[in-house]
Amino acid sequence: MEVTIGVQNLPRELVIETDLTPDAVASAVQKALAGSALELTDSRGRRVIVPSSTIGYVEIGTEEQRKVGFGSL
C-alpha cells in the first residue's frame, strides 16, 4: 500500500510503500498528531520518522495491487 506524506516547507512529498494496513497507518498518524513523531516502516524494512509538527497531510492509498502488463481489456 502506498502512503504519501506532505511535509511543510518541502517542495516534494514523501512516498512510502508499506505492508501495513490502512487502519494501522491511520492509527500511527493519529498518534503522531497527538504529539509524538510519525514512524512508519516501508516494505523493505526501512524506518521513516517524520516530526509531527511538520506533517502537512497524509494520503493513505488502497491495498489493491496495480495490474502490470498487457492484457485484454
Protein backbone atom coordinates (compact mmCIF):
# COMPACT_ATOMS: atom_id res chain seq x y z
CA MET A 1 0.00 0.00 0.00
CA GLU A 2 1.26 3.47 -0.85
CA VAL A 3 1.35 6.25 1.75
CA THR A 4 2.05 9.85 0.68
CA ILE A 5 3.17 12.36 3.31
CA GLY A 6 3.21 16.08 2.64
CA VAL A 7 5.86 17.81 4.74
CA GLN A 8 5.75 21.55 5.40
CA ASN A 9 8.45 23.66 3.71
CA LEU A 10 9.48 20.82 1.37
CA PRO A 11 8.63 21.04 -2.32
CA ARG A 12 8.32 17.25 -2.70
CA GLU A 13 6.21 14.77 -0.80
CA LEU A 14 7.42 11.54 0.79
CA VAL A 15 6.02 8.38 -0.82
CA ILE A 16 6.32 5.17 1.17
CA GLU A 17 5.35 1.67 0.06
CA THR A 18 4.38 -0.26 3.19
CA ASP A 19 2.88 -3.60 4.15
CA LEU A 20 0.80 -2.04 6.95
CA THR A 21 -2.98 -1.97 6.77
CA PRO A 22 -4.77 1.35 6.19
CA ASP A 23 -6.12 1.19 9.75
CA ALA A 24 -2.61 0.74 11.17
CA VAL A 25 -1.32 3.73 9.19
CA ALA A 26 -4.28 5.88 10.26
CA SER A 27 -3.67 4.90 13.89
CA ALA A 28 0.03 5.84 13.62
CA VAL A 29 -0.89 9.20 12.06
CA GLN A 30 -3.45 9.97 14.78
CA LYS A 31 -0.92 9.07 17.48
CA ALA A 32 1.66 11.33 15.81
CA LEU A 33 -0.75 14.26 15.63
CA ALA A 34 -1.31 13.87 19.37
CA GLY A 35 2.30 14.84 19.98
CA SER A 36 4.81 12.13 19.03
CA ALA A 37 6.64 11.67 15.72
CA LEU A 38 5.16 9.68 12.84
CA GLU A 39 7.12 6.47 12.43
CA LEU A 40 6.38 4.04 9.59
CA THR A 41 8.26 1.03 8.25
CA ASP A 42 8.34 0.55 4.50
CA SER A 43 8.11 -2.77 2.64
CA ARG A 44 11.92 -3.10 2.60
CA GLY A 45 12.21 -2.74 6.37
CA ARG A 46 13.46 0.87 6.42
CA ARG A 47 12.01 3.16 9.08
CA VAL A 48 10.79 6.64 8.19
CA ILE A 49 10.35 9.14 11.03
CA VAL A 50 8.64 12.50 10.44
CA PRO A 51 8.24 15.09 13.21
CA SER A 52 4.54 15.62 13.87
CA SER A 53 4.90 19.41 13.80
CA THR A 54 5.93 19.30 10.11
CA ILE A 55 3.18 17.00 8.77
CA GLY A 56 1.06 18.83 6.20
CA TYR A 57 -1.12 15.91 5.09
CA VAL A 58 -1.12 12.12 4.82
CA GLU A 59 -2.75 10.29 1.92
CA ILE A 60 -3.38 6.60 2.52
CA GLY A 61 -3.69 4.53 -0.67
CA THR A 62 -5.68 1.38 -1.22
CA GLU A 63 -4.40 -2.13 -0.58
CA GLU A 64 -5.26 -3.20 -4.13
CA GLN A 65 -2.23 -4.08 -6.22
CA ARG A 66 -1.83 -2.39 -9.58
CA LYS A 67 -2.06 -4.58 -12.63
CA VAL A 68 1.12 -4.77 -14.65
CA GLY A 69 1.50 -5.88 -18.24
CA PHE A 70 -0.65 -6.10 -21.30
CA GLY A 71 -3.96 -7.87 -21.13
CA SER A 72 -7.18 -7.92 -22.98
CA LEU A 73 -9.46 -5.11 -21.96
